[in-house]
Amino acid sequence: MGTEGTRDEDALSEFQRAVEAHPEDPAAWIRYGRVLLDRGLLPEGLDALREAYRRDPESPRIRYHLGCALVENGRQKEAIEHFWSVCLDDPKLEDDDSALGLWALIKVARSYGKSGKWERAFDLLMPAARIAEEIVCNLAYFSQQQGEYNRAAYLFTIGTLLAPQNTKALYRAAYNKRKVGDLEGSRGDLERAVKLSPEDPELWYELGLTLAMMKKGAEARQVFGKVISLKADHVRAQYDLSCLDALEGKTDEAFANLNKAIDCGYRNLAHLEKDEDFKSVREDPRWKRILQRIPKEPHDRTRECIAFRHQGSQRVQ
């Protein structure tokens, strides 16, 4: 115990000597002030941080630490003024000092909360929540790009909790859940998304694809029909309708919808030739004519991207 106490005193003396040797160095005063506060010497720590502030009143870092010292000394009102000045300088997360703006915003909100001003605290933290949502969704996207689909699904789900109206986050959460086999979760996210953006054909398409993978052919067919009603030349919806037809033994309808998909721009010949959904119709003479309609050249993925595809034979029975 005695050794620890001696060590603390030595450290305190070291920081004190630093400010005596460099009295105009605000960084030395910050370090000295923080050490004093950590040891419970609250008034002395506040005085040291005031000295740092006097030497560099424009530094957001000094204003932030001074605000923290004021809070520890029970001077909430004065602390709020300093925290606000940090927030107003730059509340974004562009560098280390700017990150203090976000923490300062939280400190201000806590101060209001302690004084019973909950509505004011809530209003202050909403910008912080938006920043947090951006951070979480970007982390989720990076995880998705690295193939970490479980983590991406988890993070995108947090993003949807922070911003319930964010259909992009719902869409991404649904995609990653589908990648790890959570089809019910994917369906739930997409159903929320289409309620928020009922005119978006891509969200409806993703819902239809998830339903097809859940082997809910009738529901998937209805949703693909909705997609086509919103975007008549939607290549993937037409193609997947033909898949459902083939799997259900509706040969005439399968060829009709496949022709429509080609009319809309379907060009992925390599995928079509090996797609097991069409196993039942390959002996039909119309199959060769379908294949002949597609040029034997690299297809245009910007027009027809079979995104999020799954082996058709596993979709519906």
C-alpha atoms as a PDB file:
ATOM      1  CA  MET A   1       0.000   0.000   0.000  1.00  0.00           C
ATOM      2  CA  GLY A   2       2.788   2.338   0.921  1.00  0.00           C
ATOM      3  CA  THR A   3       4.565   1.620  -2.356  1.00  0.00           C
ATOM      4  CA  GLU A   4       1.461   2.494  -4.390  1.00  0.00           C
ATOM      5  CA  GLY A   5       1.027   5.751  -2.473  1.00  0.00           C
ATOM      6  CA  THR A   6       4.645   6.695  -3.047  1.00  0.00           C
ATOM      7  CA  ARG A   7       4.278   5.906  -6.738  1.00  0.00           C
ATOM      8  CA  ASP A   8       1.213   8.176  -7.006  1.00  0.00           C
ATOM      9  CA  GLU A   9       3.013  10.995  -5.268  1.00  0.00           C
ATOM     10  CA  ASP A  10       6.009  10.593  -7.575  1.00  0.00           C
ATOM     11  CA  ALA A  11       3.758  10.715 -10.659  1.00  0.00           C
ATOM     12  CA  LEU A  12       1.989  13.807  -9.331  1.00  0.00           C
ATOM     13  CA  SER A  13       5.304  15.484  -8.644  1.00  0.00           C
ATOM     14  CA  GLU A  14       6.476  14.613 -12.152  1.00  0.00           C
ATOM     15  CA  PHE A  15       3.479  16.357 -13.764  1.00  0.00           C
ATOM     16  CA  GLN A  16       3.855  19.295 -11.393  1.00  0.00           C
ATOM     17  CA  ARG A  17       7.508  19.677 -12.371  1.00  0.00           C
ATOM     18  CA  ALA A  18       6.454  19.580 -16.046  1.00  0.00           C
ATOM     19  CA  VAL A  19       4.145  22.595 -15.673  1.00  0.00           C
ATOM     20  CA  GLU A  20       6.796  24.439 -13.664  1.00  0.00           C
ATOM     21  CA  ALA A  21       9.357  23.765 -16.391  1.00  0.00           C
ATOM     22  CA  HIS A  22       6.941  24.633 -19.232  1.00  0.00           C
ATOM     23  CA  PRO A  23       4.341  26.985 -17.756  1.00  0.00           C
ATOM     24  CA  GLU A  24       3.069  28.118 -21.163  1.00  0.00           C
ATOM     25  CA  ASP A  25       2.511  24.590 -22.483  1.00  0.00           C
ATOM     26  CA  PRO A  26      -1.270  23.889 -22.348  1.00  0.00           C
ATOM     27  CA  ALA A  27      -0.708  20.141 -22.892  1.00  0.00           C
ATOM     28  CA  ALA A  28       1.352  19.982 -19.680  1.00  0.00           C
ATOM     29  CA  TRP A  29      -1.467  21.675 -17.773  1.00  0.00           C
ATOM     30  CA  ILE A  30      -4.033  19.234 -19.217  1.00  0.00           C
ATOM     31  CA  ARG A  31      -1.992  16.238 -18.080  1.00  0.00           C
ATOM     32  CA  TYR A  32      -1.450  17.755 -14.651  1.00  0.00           C
ATOM     33  CA  GLY A  33      -5.131  18.607 -14.290  1.00  0.00           C
ATOM     34  CA  ARG A  34      -6.295  15.124 -15.267  1.00  0.00           C
ATOM     35  CA  VAL A  35      -3.897  13.515 -12.779  1.00  0.00           C
ATOM     36  CA  LEU A  36      -5.191  15.778 -10.003  1.00  0.00           C
ATOM     37  CA  LEU A  37      -8.807  14.922 -10.857  1.00  0.00           C
ATOM     38  CA  ASP A  38      -8.014  11.198 -10.989  1.00  0.00           C
ATOM     39  CA  ARG A  39      -6.639  11.465  -7.443  1.00  0.00           C
ATOM     40  CA  GLY A  40      -9.779  13.207  -6.177  1.00  0.00           C
ATOM     41  CA  LEU A  41      -8.190  16.650  -5.950  1.00  0.00           C
ATOM     42  CA  LEU A  42     -11.140  18.217  -7.772  1.00  0.00           C
ATOM     43  CA  PRO A  43     -10.649  21.976  -7.160  1.00  0.00           C
ATOM     44  CA  GLU A  44      -6.926  21.714  -7.887  1.00  0.00           C
ATOM     45  CA  GLY A  45      -7.602  19.749 -11.091  1.00  0.00           C
ATOM     46  CA  LEU A  46     -10.122  22.353 -12.218  1.00  0.00           C
ATOM     47  CA  ASP A  47      -7.617  25.138 -11.558  1.00  0.00           C
ATOM     48  CA  ALA A  48      -4.988  23.354 -13.650  1.00  0.00           C
ATOM     49  CA  LEU A  49      -7.390  22.914 -16.573  1.00  0.00           C
ATOM     50  CA  ARG A  50      -8.371  26.572 -16.334  1.00  0.00           C
ATOM     51  CA  GLU A  51      -4.666  27.350 -16.758  1.00  0.00           C
ATOM     52  CA  ALA A  52      -4.614  25.215 -19.927  1.00  0.00           C
ATOM     53  CA  TYR A  53      -7.720  27.020 -21.198  1.00  0.00           C
ATOM     54  CA  ARG A  54      -6.173  30.438 -20.464  1.00  0.00           C
ATOM     55  CA  ARG A  55      -3.209  29.536 -22.652  1.00  0.00           C
ATOM     56  CA  ASP A  56      -5.226  28.102 -25.553  1.00  0.00           C
ATOM     57  CA  PRO A  57      -8.940  29.024 -25.371  1.00  0.00           C
ATOM     58  CA  GLU A  58      -9.591  27.900 -28.964  1.00  0.00           C
ATOM     59  CA  SER A  59      -8.636  24.257 -28.417  1.00  0.00           C
ATOM     60  CA  PRO A  60     -11.714  21.986 -28.446  1.00  0.00           C
ATOM     61  CA  ARG A  61      -9.754  19.346 -26.546  1.00  0.00           C
ATOM     62  CA  ILE A  62      -8.985  21.761 -23.695  1.00  0.00           C
ATOM     63  CA  ARG A  63     -12.576  23.021 -23.604  1.00  0.00           C
ATOM     64  CA  TYR A  64     -13.811  19.431 -23.460  1.00  0.00           C
ATOM     65  CA  HIS A  65     -11.534  18.482 -20.547  1.00  0.00           C
ATOM     66  CA  LEU A  66     -12.386  21.734 -18.759  1.00  0.00           C
ATOM     67  CA  GLY A  67     -16.082  20.875 -19.139  1.00  0.00           C
ATOM     68  CA  CYS A  68     -15.461  17.431 -17.614  1.00  0.00           C
ATOM     69  CA  ALA A  69     -13.624  19.039 -14.686  1.00  0.00           C
ATOM     70  CA  LEU A  70     -16.483  21.474 -14.130  1.00  0.00           C
ATOM     71  CA  VAL A  71     -18.956  18.564 -14.052  1.00  0.00           C
ATOM     72  CA  GLU A  72     -16.826  16.766 -11.467  1.00  0.00           C
ATOM     73  CA  ASN A  73     -16.844  19.952  -9.398  1.00  0.00           C
ATOM     74  CA  GLY A  74     -20.628  20.216  -9.606  1.00  0.00           C
ATOM     75  CA  ARG A  75     -20.656  23.236 -11.930  1.00  0.00           C
ATOM     76  CA  GLN A  76     -23.063  21.872 -14.547  1.00  0.00           C
ATOM     77  CA  LYS A  77     -24.188  25.172 -16.062  1.00  0.00           C
ATOM     78  CA  GLU A  78     -20.659  26.381 -16.767  1.00  0.00           C
ATOM     79  CA  ALA A  79     -19.727  22.921 -18.072  1.00  0.00           C
ATOM     80  CA  ILE A  80     -22.593  22.986 -20.587  1.00  0.00           C
ATOM     81  CA  GLU A  81     -21.267  26.252 -22.063  1.00  0.00           C
ATOM     82  CA  HIS A  82     -17.871  24.661 -22.728  1.00  0.00           C
ATOM     83  CA  PHE A  83     -19.360  21.434 -24.105  1.00  0.00           C
ATOM     84  CA  TRP A  84     -21.617  23.434 -26.401  1.00  0.00           C
ATOM     85  CA  SER A  85     -18.652  25.377 -27.742  1.00  0.00           C
ATOM     86  CA  VAL A  86     -17.003  22.066 -28.696  1.00  0.00           C
ATOM     87  CA  CYS A  87     -20.189  20.811 -30.387  1.00  0.00           C
ATOM     88  CA  LEU A  88     -20.658  24.006 -32.381  1.00  0.00           C
ATOM     89  CA  ASP A  89     -17.075  23.949 -33.644  1.00  0.00           C
ATOM     90  CA  ASP A  90     -17.475  20.627 -35.447  1.00  0.00           C
ATOM     91  CA  PRO A  91     -19.934  17.945 -34.334  1.00  0.00           C
ATOM     92  CA  LYS A  92     -18.788  15.532 -37.052  1.00  0.00           C
ATOM     93  CA  LEU A  93     -16.367  12.649 -36.699  1.00  0.00           C
ATOM     94  CA  GLU A  94     -13.581  13.761 -39.008  1.00  0.00           C
ATOM     95  CA  ASP A  95     -10.611  13.744 -36.651  1.00  0.00           C
ATOM     96  CA  ASP A  96      -9.743  13.122 -33.010  1.00  0.00           C
ATOM     97  CA  ASP A  97     -10.710  16.610 -31.844  1.00  0.00           C
ATOM     98  CA  SER A  98     -13.983  16.497 -33.779  1.00  0.00           C
ATOM     99  CA  ALA A  99     -14.871  13.219 -32.080  1.00  0.00           C
ATOM    100  CA  LEU A 100     -14.893  15.183 -28.850  1.00  0.00           C
ATOM    101  CA  GLY A 101     -17.860  17.080 -30.270  1.00  0.00           C
ATOM    102  CA  LEU A 102     -19.943  13.916 -30.131  1.00  0.00           C
ATOM    103  CA  TRP A 103     -18.833  13.133 -26.578  1.00  0.00           C
ATOM    104  CA  ALA A 104     -19.472  16.738 -25.592  1.00  0.00           C
ATOM    105  CA  LEU A 105     -22.977  16.466 -27.019  1.00  0.00           C
ATOM    106  CA  ILE A 106     -23.572  13.390 -24.857  1.00  0.00           C
ATOM    107  CA  LYS A 107     -22.218  15.238 -21.818  1.00  0.00           C
ATOM    108  CA  VAL A 108     -24.582  18.158 -22.434  1.00  0.00           C
ATOM    109  CA  ALA A 109     -27.543  15.783 -22.771  1.00  0.00           C
ATOM    110  CA  ARG A 110     -26.609  14.015 -19.546  1.00  0.00           C
ATOM    111  CA  SER A 111     -26.396  17.351 -17.778  1.00  0.00           C
ATOM    112  CA  TYR A 112     -29.880  18.266 -18.970  1.00  0.00           C
ATOM    113  CA  GLY A 113     -31.133  14.817 -17.978  1.00  0.00           C
ATOM    114  CA  LYS A 114     -29.775  15.196 -14.445  1.00  0.00           C
ATOM    115  CA  SER A 115     -31.683  18.442 -14.111  1.00  0.00           C
ATOM    116  CA  GLY A 116     -34.913  16.785 -15.293  1.00  0.00           C
ATOM    117  CA  LYS A 117     -34.966  18.317 -18.772  1.00  0.00           C
ATOM    118  CA  TRP A 118     -35.520  14.986 -20.556  1.00  0.00           C
ATOM    119  CA  GLU A 119     -37.085  16.373 -23.740  1.00  0.00           C
ATOM    120  CA  ARG A 120     -34.141  18.700 -24.206  1.00  0.00           C
ATOM    121  CA  ALA A 121     -31.722  15.820 -23.604  1.00  0.00           C
ATOM    122  CA  PHE A 122     -33.572  13.671 -26.155  1.00  0.00           C
ATOM    123  CA  ASP A 123     -33.485  16.407 -28.808  1.00  0.00           C
ATOM    124  CA  LEU A 124     -29.755  16.871 -28.293  1.00  0.00           C
ATOM    125  CA  LEU A 125     -28.959  13.191 -28.679  1.00  0.00           C
ATOM    126  CA  MET A 126     -30.896  12.667 -31.914  1.00  0.00           C
ATOM    127  CA  PRO A 127     -27.991  14.033 -34.042  1.00  0.00           C
ATOM    128  CA  ALA A 128     -25.666  11.694 -32.136  1.00  0.00           C
ATOM    129  CA  ALA A 129     -27.989   8.782 -32.937  1.00  0.00           C
ATOM    130  CA  ARG A 130     -27.851   9.663 -36.637  1.00  0.00           C
ATOM    131  CA  ILE A 131     -24.050   9.722 -36.524  1.00  0.00           C
ATOM    132  CA  ALA A 132     -24.067   6.391 -34.687  1.00  0.00           C
ATOM    133  CA  GLU A 133     -26.358   4.904 -37.328  1.00  0.00           C
ATOM    134  CA  GLU A 134     -23.942   5.977 -40.078  1.00  0.00           C
ATOM    135  CA  ILE A 135     -21.037   4.401 -38.202  1.00  0.00           C
ATOM    136  CA  VAL A 136     -22.886   1.140 -37.548  1.00  0.00           C
ATOM    137  CA  CYS A 137     -24.169   0.784 -41.126  1.00  0.00           C
ATOM    138  CA  ASN A 138     -20.721   1.439 -42.571  1.00  0.00           C
ATOM    139  CA  LEU A 139     -19.196  -1.153 -40.252  1.00  0.00           C
ATOM    140  CA  ALA A 140     -21.927  -3.544 -41.367  1.00  0.00           C
ATOM    141  CA  TYR A 141     -21.203  -2.891 -45.037  1.00  0.00           C
ATOM    142  CA  PHE A 142     -17.480  -3.493 -44.528  1.00  0.00           C
ATOM    143  CA  SER A 143     -18.338  -6.771 -42.774  1.00  0.00           C
ATOM    144  CA  GLN A 144     -20.557  -7.780 -45.694  1.00  0.00           C
ATOM    145  CA  GLN A 145     -17.770  -7.042 -48.182  1.00  0.00           C
ATOM    146  CA  GLN A 146     -15.466  -9.314 -46.179  1.00  0.00           C
ATOM    147  CA  GLY A 147     -18.003 -12.140 -46.198  1.00  0.00           C
ATOM    148  CA  GLU A 148     -18.788 -11.757 -42.492  1.00  0.00           C
ATOM    149  CA  TYR A 149     -22.534 -12.077 -43.078  1.00  0.00           C
ATOM    150  CA  ASN A 150     -23.544 -12.909 -39.499  1.00  0.00           C
ATOM    151  CA  ARG A 151     -21.804  -9.833 -38.188  1.00  0.00           C
ATOM    152  CA  ALA A 152     -23.156  -7.705 -41.034  1.00  0.00           C
ATOM    153  CA  ALA A 153     -26.714  -8.865 -40.345  1.00  0.00           C
ATOM    154  CA  TYR A 154     -26.297  -8.062 -36.651  1.00  0.00           C
ATOM    155  CA  LEU A 155     -24.895  -4.581 -37.322  1.00  0.00           C
ATOM    156  CA  PHE A 156     -27.460  -3.696 -39.984  1.00  0.00           C
ATOM    157  CA  THR A 157     -30.191  -4.762 -37.553  1.00  0.00           C
ATOM    158  CA  ILE A 158     -28.769  -2.317 -35.000  1.00  0.00           C
ATOM    159  CA  GLY A 159     -28.813   0.302 -37.753  1.00  0.00           C
ATOM    160  CA  THR A 160     -32.520  -0.322 -38.325  1.00  0.00           C
ATOM    161  CA  LEU A 161     -33.166   0.149 -34.607  1.00  0.00           C
ATOM    162  CA  LEU A 162     -31.324   3.473 -34.644  1.00  0.00           C
ATOM    163  CA  ALA A 163     -33.156   4.587 -37.792  1.00  0.00           C
ATOM    164  CA  PRO A 164     -36.394   2.587 -38.226  1.00  0.00           C
ATOM    165  CA  GLN A 165     -37.275   4.447 -41.436  1.00  0.00           C
ATOM    166  CA  ASN A 166     -34.009   3.530 -43.178  1.00  0.00           C
ATOM    167  CA  THR A 167     -35.125   1.156 -45.943  1.00  0.00           C
ATOM    168  CA  LYS A 168     -31.570   0.752 -47.197  1.00  0.00           C
ATOM    169  CA  ALA A 169     -30.487  -0.641 -43.816  1.00  0.00           C
ATOM    170  CA  LEU A 170     -33.537  -2.928 -43.773  1.00  0.00           C
ATOM    171  CA  TYR A 171     -32.694  -4.161 -47.266  1.00  0.00           C
ATOM    172  CA  ARG A 172     -29.066  -4.825 -46.297  1.00  0.00           C
ATOM    173  CA  ALA A 173     -30.060  -6.553 -43.070  1.00  0.00           C
ATOM    174  CA  ALA A 174     -32.452  -8.783 -45.040  1.00  0.00           C
ATOM    175  CA  TYR A 175     -29.779  -9.649 -47.602  1.00  0.00           C
ATOM    176  CA  ASN A 176     -27.248 -10.684 -44.962  1.00  0.00           C
ATOM    177  CA  LYS A 177     -29.815 -12.657 -42.993  1.00  0.00           C
ATOM    178  CA  ARG A 178     -30.679 -14.528 -46.163  1.00  0.00           C
ATOM    179  CA  LYS A 179     -26.996 -15.268 -46.739  1.00  0.00           C
ATOM    180  CA  VAL A 180     -26.796 -17.030 -43.365  1.00  0.00           C
ATOM    181  CA  GLY A 181     -30.106 -18.857 -43.776  1.00  0.00           C
ATOM    182  CA  ASP A 182     -32.314 -16.653 -41.592  1.00  0.00           C
ATOM    183  CA  LEU A 183     -35.139 -16.476 -44.125  1.00  0.00           C
ATOM    184  CA  GLU A 184     -37.834 -15.547 -41.614  1.00  0.00           C
ATOM    185  CA  GLY A 185     -35.718 -12.629 -40.399  1.00  0.00           C
ATOM    186  CA  SER A 186     -35.053 -11.573 -43.980  1.00  0.00           C
ATOM    187  CA  ARG A 187     -38.745 -11.702 -44.793  1.00  0.00           C
ATOM    188  CA  GLY A 188     -39.620  -9.601 -41.745  1.00  0.00           C
ATOM    189  CA  ASP A 189     -37.137  -6.875 -42.659  1.00  0.00           C
ATOM    190  CA  LEU A 190     -38.328  -6.751 -46.260  1.00  0.00           C
ATOM    191  CA  GLU A 191     -41.988  -6.614 -45.260  1.00  0.00           C
ATOM    192  CA  ARG A 192     -41.159  -3.591 -43.119  1.00  0.00           C
ATOM    193  CA  ALA A 193     -39.213  -2.053 -45.996  1.00  0.00           C
ATOM    194  CA  VAL A 194     -42.028  -2.360 -48.563  1.00  0.00           C
ATOM    195  CA  LYS A 195     -44.452  -0.774 -46.112  1.00  0.00           C
ATOM    196  CA  LEU A 196     -42.112   2.207 -45.880  1.00  0.00           C
ATOM    197  CA  SER A 197     -41.448   2.363 -49.652  1.00  0.00           C
ATOM    198  CA  PRO A 198     -44.385   0.639 -51.376  1.00  0.00           C
ATOM    199  CA  GLU A 199     -43.407   1.964 -54.825  1.00  0.00           C
ATOM    200  CA  ASP A 200     -39.886   0.539 -54.820  1.00  0.00           C
ATOM    201  CA  PRO A 201     -39.806  -2.496 -57.164  1.00  0.00           C
ATOM    202  CA  GLU A 202     -36.385  -3.661 -55.945  1.00  0.00           C
ATOM    203  CA  LEU A 203     -37.573  -4.057 -52.360  1.00  0.00           C
ATOM    204  CA  TRP A 204     -40.592  -6.021 -53.566  1.00  0.00           C
ATOM    205  CA  TYR A 205     -38.332  -8.174 -55.734  1.00  0.00           C
ATOM    206  CA  GLU A 206     -36.091  -9.045 -52.788  1.00  0.00           C
ATOM    207  CA  LEU A 207     -39.174  -9.983 -50.775  1.00  0.00           C
ATOM    208  CA  GLY A 208     -40.355 -12.221 -53.603  1.00  0.00           C
ATOM    209  CA  LEU A 209     -36.952 -13.884 -53.832  1.00  0.00           C
ATOM    210  CA  THR A 210     -36.925 -14.572 -50.099  1.00  0.00           C
ATOM    211  CA  LEU A 211     -40.423 -16.066 -50.278  1.00  0.00           C
ATOM    212  CA  ALA A 212     -39.335 -18.276 -53.175  1.00  0.00           C
ATOM    213  CA  MET A 213     -36.382 -19.512 -51.144  1.00  0.00           C
ATOM    214  CA  MET A 214     -38.804 -20.272 -48.312  1.00  0.00           C
ATOM    215  CA  LYS A 215     -40.693 -22.488 -50.783  1.00  0.00           C
ATOM    216  CA  LYS A 216     -43.722 -20.231 -50.659  1.00  0.00           C
ATOM    217  CA  GLY A 217     -44.302 -20.286 -54.402  1.00  0.00           C
ATOM    218  CA  ALA A 218     -47.819 -18.797 -54.437  1.00  0.00           C
ATOM    219  CA  GLU A 219     -46.791 -15.813 -52.288  1.00  0.00           C
ATOM    220  CA  ALA A 220     -43.592 -15.308 -54.280  1.00  0.00           C
ATOM    221  CA  ARG A 221     -45.561 -15.334 -57.554  1.00  0.00           C
ATOM    222  CA  GLN A 222     -47.906 -12.657 -56.212  1.00  0.00           C
ATOM    223  CA  VAL A 223     -44.997 -10.456 -55.135  1.00  0.00           C
ATOM    224  CA  PHE A 224     -43.169 -10.861 -58.470  1.00  0.00           C
ATOM    225  CA  GLY A 225     -46.420  -9.773 -60.124  1.00  0.00           C
ATOM    226  CA  LYS A 226     -46.349  -6.670 -57.940  1.00  0.00           C
ATOM    227  CA  VAL A 227     -42.778  -5.978 -59.080  1.00  0.00           C
ATOM    228  CA  ILE A 228     -43.802  -6.160 -62.736  1.00  0.00           C
ATOM    229  CA  SER A 229     -46.786  -3.888 -62.106  1.00  0.00           C
ATOM    230  CA  LEU A 230     -44.335  -1.283 -60.775  1.00  0.00           C
ATOM    231  CA  LYS A 231     -41.652  -1.911 -63.419  1.00  0.00           C
ATOM    232  CA  ALA A 232     -42.876  -3.770 -66.488  1.00  0.00           C
ATOM    233  CA  ASP A 233     -39.376  -4.509 -67.801  1.00  0.00           C
ATOM    234  CA  HIS A 234     -37.994  -5.917 -64.541  1.00  0.00           C
ATOM    235  CA  VAL A 235     -35.752  -8.669 -65.911  1.00  0.00           C
ATOM    236  CA  ARG A 236     -35.202 -10.670 -62.732  1.00  0.00           C
ATOM    237  CA  ALA A 237     -38.865 -10.755 -61.743  1.00  0.00           C
ATOM    238  CA  GLN A 238     -39.819 -12.064 -65.185  1.00  0.00           C
ATOM    239  CA  TYR A 239     -37.025 -14.618 -65.057  1.00  0.00           C
ATOM    240  CA  ASP A 240     -37.941 -15.841 -61.569  1.00  0.00           C
ATOM    241  CA  LEU A 241     -41.594 -16.116 -62.539  1.00  0.00           C
ATOM    242  CA  SER A 242     -40.524 -18.457 -65.334  1.00  0.00           C
ATOM    243  CA  CYS A 243     -38.488 -20.433 -62.770  1.00  0.00           C
ATOM    244  CA  LEU A 244     -41.556 -20.848 -60.580  1.00  0.00           C
ATOM    245  CA  ASP A 245     -43.620 -21.917 -63.601  1.00  0.00           C
ATOM    246  CA  ALA A 246     -41.071 -24.553 -64.609  1.00  0.00           C
ATOM    247  CA  LEU A 247     -40.803 -25.917 -61.078  1.00  0.00           C
ATOM    248  CA  GLU A 248     -44.589 -26.171 -60.826  1.00  0.00           C
ATOM    249  CA  GLY A 249     -44.899 -27.940 -64.189  1.00  0.00           C
ATOM    250  CA  LYS A 250     -46.464 -24.963 -65.987  1.00  0.00           C
ATOM    251  CA  THR A 251     -44.426 -25.398 -69.140  1.00  0.00           C
ATOM    252  CA  ASP A 252     -46.285 -22.971 -71.422  1.00  0.00           C
ATOM    253  CA  GLU A 253     -46.206 -20.231 -68.788  1.00  0.00           C
ATOM    254  CA  ALA A 254     -42.510 -20.900 -68.134  1.00  0.00           C
ATOM    255  CA  PHE A 255     -41.600 -20.301 -71.788  1.00  0.00           C
ATOM    256  CA  ALA A 256     -43.892 -17.279 -72.029  1.00  0.00           C
ATOM    257  CA  ASN A 257     -42.284 -15.595 -69.012  1.00  0.00           C
ATOM    258  CA  LEU A 258     -38.781 -16.589 -70.087  1.00  0.00           C
ATOM    259  CA  ASN A 259     -39.397 -14.967 -73.485  1.00  0.00           C
ATOM    260  CA  LYS A 260     -40.587 -11.839 -71.685  1.00  0.00           C
ATOM    261  CA  ALA A 261     -37.414 -11.832 -69.576  1.00  0.00           C
ATOM    262  CA  ILE A 262     -35.320 -11.977 -72.764  1.00  0.00           C
ATOM    263  CA  ASP A 263     -37.428  -9.199 -74.287  1.00  0.00           C
ATOM    264  CA  CYS A 264     -36.648  -7.114 -71.194  1.00  0.00           C
ATOM    265  CA  GLY A 265     -32.914  -7.678 -71.621  1.00  0.00           C
ATOM    266  CA  TYR A 266     -31.994 -11.007 -70.031  1.00  0.00           C
ATOM    267  CA  ARG A 267     -28.606 -12.060 -71.467  1.00  0.00           C
ATOM    268  CA  ASN A 268     -27.011 -14.481 -68.995  1.00  0.00           C
ATOM    269  CA  LEU A 269     -26.843 -17.520 -71.274  1.00  0.00           C
ATOM    270  CA  ALA A 270     -24.297 -19.372 -69.118  1.00  0.00           C
ATOM    271  CA  HIS A 271     -26.561 -19.161 -66.064  1.00  0.00           C
ATOM    272  CA  LEU A 272     -29.685 -20.148 -67.979  1.00  0.00           C
ATOM    273  CA  GLU A 273     -28.031 -23.250 -69.475  1.00  0.00           C
ATOM    274  CA  LYS A 274     -27.157 -24.633 -66.028  1.00  0.00           C
ATOM    275  CA  ASP A 275     -30.166 -23.369 -64.023  1.00  0.00           C
ATOM    276  CA  GLU A 276     -31.718 -26.497 -62.501  1.00  0.00           C
ATOM    277  CA  ASP A 277     -35.098 -24.766 -62.252  1.00  0.00           C
ATOM    278  CA  PHE A 278     -35.570 -25.505 -65.958  1.00  0.00           C
ATOM    279  CA  LYS A 279     -34.587 -29.158 -65.807  1.00  0.00           C
ATOM    280  CA  SER A 280     -38.142 -30.240 -66.568  1.00  0.00           C
ATOM    281  CA  VAL A 281     -38.428 -28.220 -69.805  1.00  0.00           C
ATOM    282  CA  ARG A 282     -35.053 -28.826 -71.451  1.00  0.00           C
ATOM    283  CA  GLU A 283     -36.394 -31.603 -73.660  1.00  0.00           C
ATOM    284  CA  ASP A 284     -39.083 -29.306 -75.027  1.00  0.00           C
ATOM    285  CA  PRO A 285     -38.269 -28.078 -78.582  1.00  0.00           C
ATOM    286  CA  ARG A 286     -38.881 -24.509 -77.437  1.00  0.00           C
ATOM    287  CA  TRP A 287     -35.843 -24.694 -75.130  1.00  0.00           C
ATOM    288  CA  LYS A 288     -33.375 -24.584 -78.021  1.00  0.00           C
ATOM    289  CA  ARG A 289     -35.206 -21.629 -79.531  1.00  0.00           C
ATOM    290  CA  ILE A 290     -34.951 -19.819 -76.187  1.00  0.00           C
ATOM    291  CA  LEU A 291     -31.199 -20.399 -76.052  1.00  0.00           C
ATOM    292  CA  GLN A 292     -30.821 -19.180 -79.639  1.00  0.00           C
ATOM    293  CA  ARG A 293     -32.484 -15.882 -78.723  1.00  0.00           C
ATOM    294  CA  ILE A 294     -29.624 -14.938 -76.378  1.00  0.00           C
ATOM    295  CA  PRO A 295     -26.386 -13.720 -78.021  1.00  0.00           C
ATOM    296  CA  LYS A 296     -23.330 -15.774 -77.125  1.00  0.00           C
ATOM    297  CA  GLU A 297     -21.413 -12.856 -75.666  1.00  0.00           C
ATOM    298  CA  PRO A 298     -20.773 -11.448 -72.178  1.00  0.00           C
ATOM    299  CA  HIS A 299     -24.119 -10.312 -70.870  1.00  0.00           C
ATOM    300  CA  ASP A 300     -24.814  -6.828 -69.532  1.00  0.00           C
ATOM    301  CA  ARG A 301     -24.774  -7.155 -65.752  1.00  0.00           C
ATOM    302  CA  THR A 302     -26.040  -3.619 -65.326  1.00  0.00           C
ATOM    303  CA  ARG A 303     -29.329  -4.639 -66.915  1.00  0.00           C
ATOM    304  CA  GLU A 304     -29.692  -8.158 -65.655  1.00  0.00           C
ATOM    305  CA  CYS A 305     -27.841  -9.051 -62.481  1.00  0.00           C
ATOM    306  CA  ILE A 306     -28.951 -12.287 -60.887  1.00  0.00           C
ATOM    307  CA  ALA A 307     -28.178 -10.905 -57.479  1.00  0.00           C
ATOM    308  CA  PHE A 308     -28.740 -12.957 -54.361  1.00  0.00           C
ATOM    309  CA  ARG A 309     -29.630 -16.043 -56.436  1.00  0.00           C
ATOM    310  CA  HIS A 310     -30.084 -19.407 -54.799  1.00  0.00           C
ATOM    311  CA  GLN A 311     -30.219 -22.852 -56.348  1.00  0.00           C
ATOM    312  CA  GLY A 312     -33.704 -22.908 -57.806  1.00  0.00           C
ATOM    313  CA  SER A 313     -34.440 -26.521 -56.920  1.00  0.00           C
ATOM    314  CA  GLN A 314     -34.181 -25.543 -53.241  1.00  0.00           C
ATOM    315  CA  ARG A 315     -36.675 -22.709 -53.543  1.00  0.00           C
ATOM    316  CA  VAL A 316     -40.045 -24.299 -54.200  1.00  0.00           C
ATOM    317  CA  GLN A 317     -41.378 -27.796 -54.476  1.00  0.00           C
END
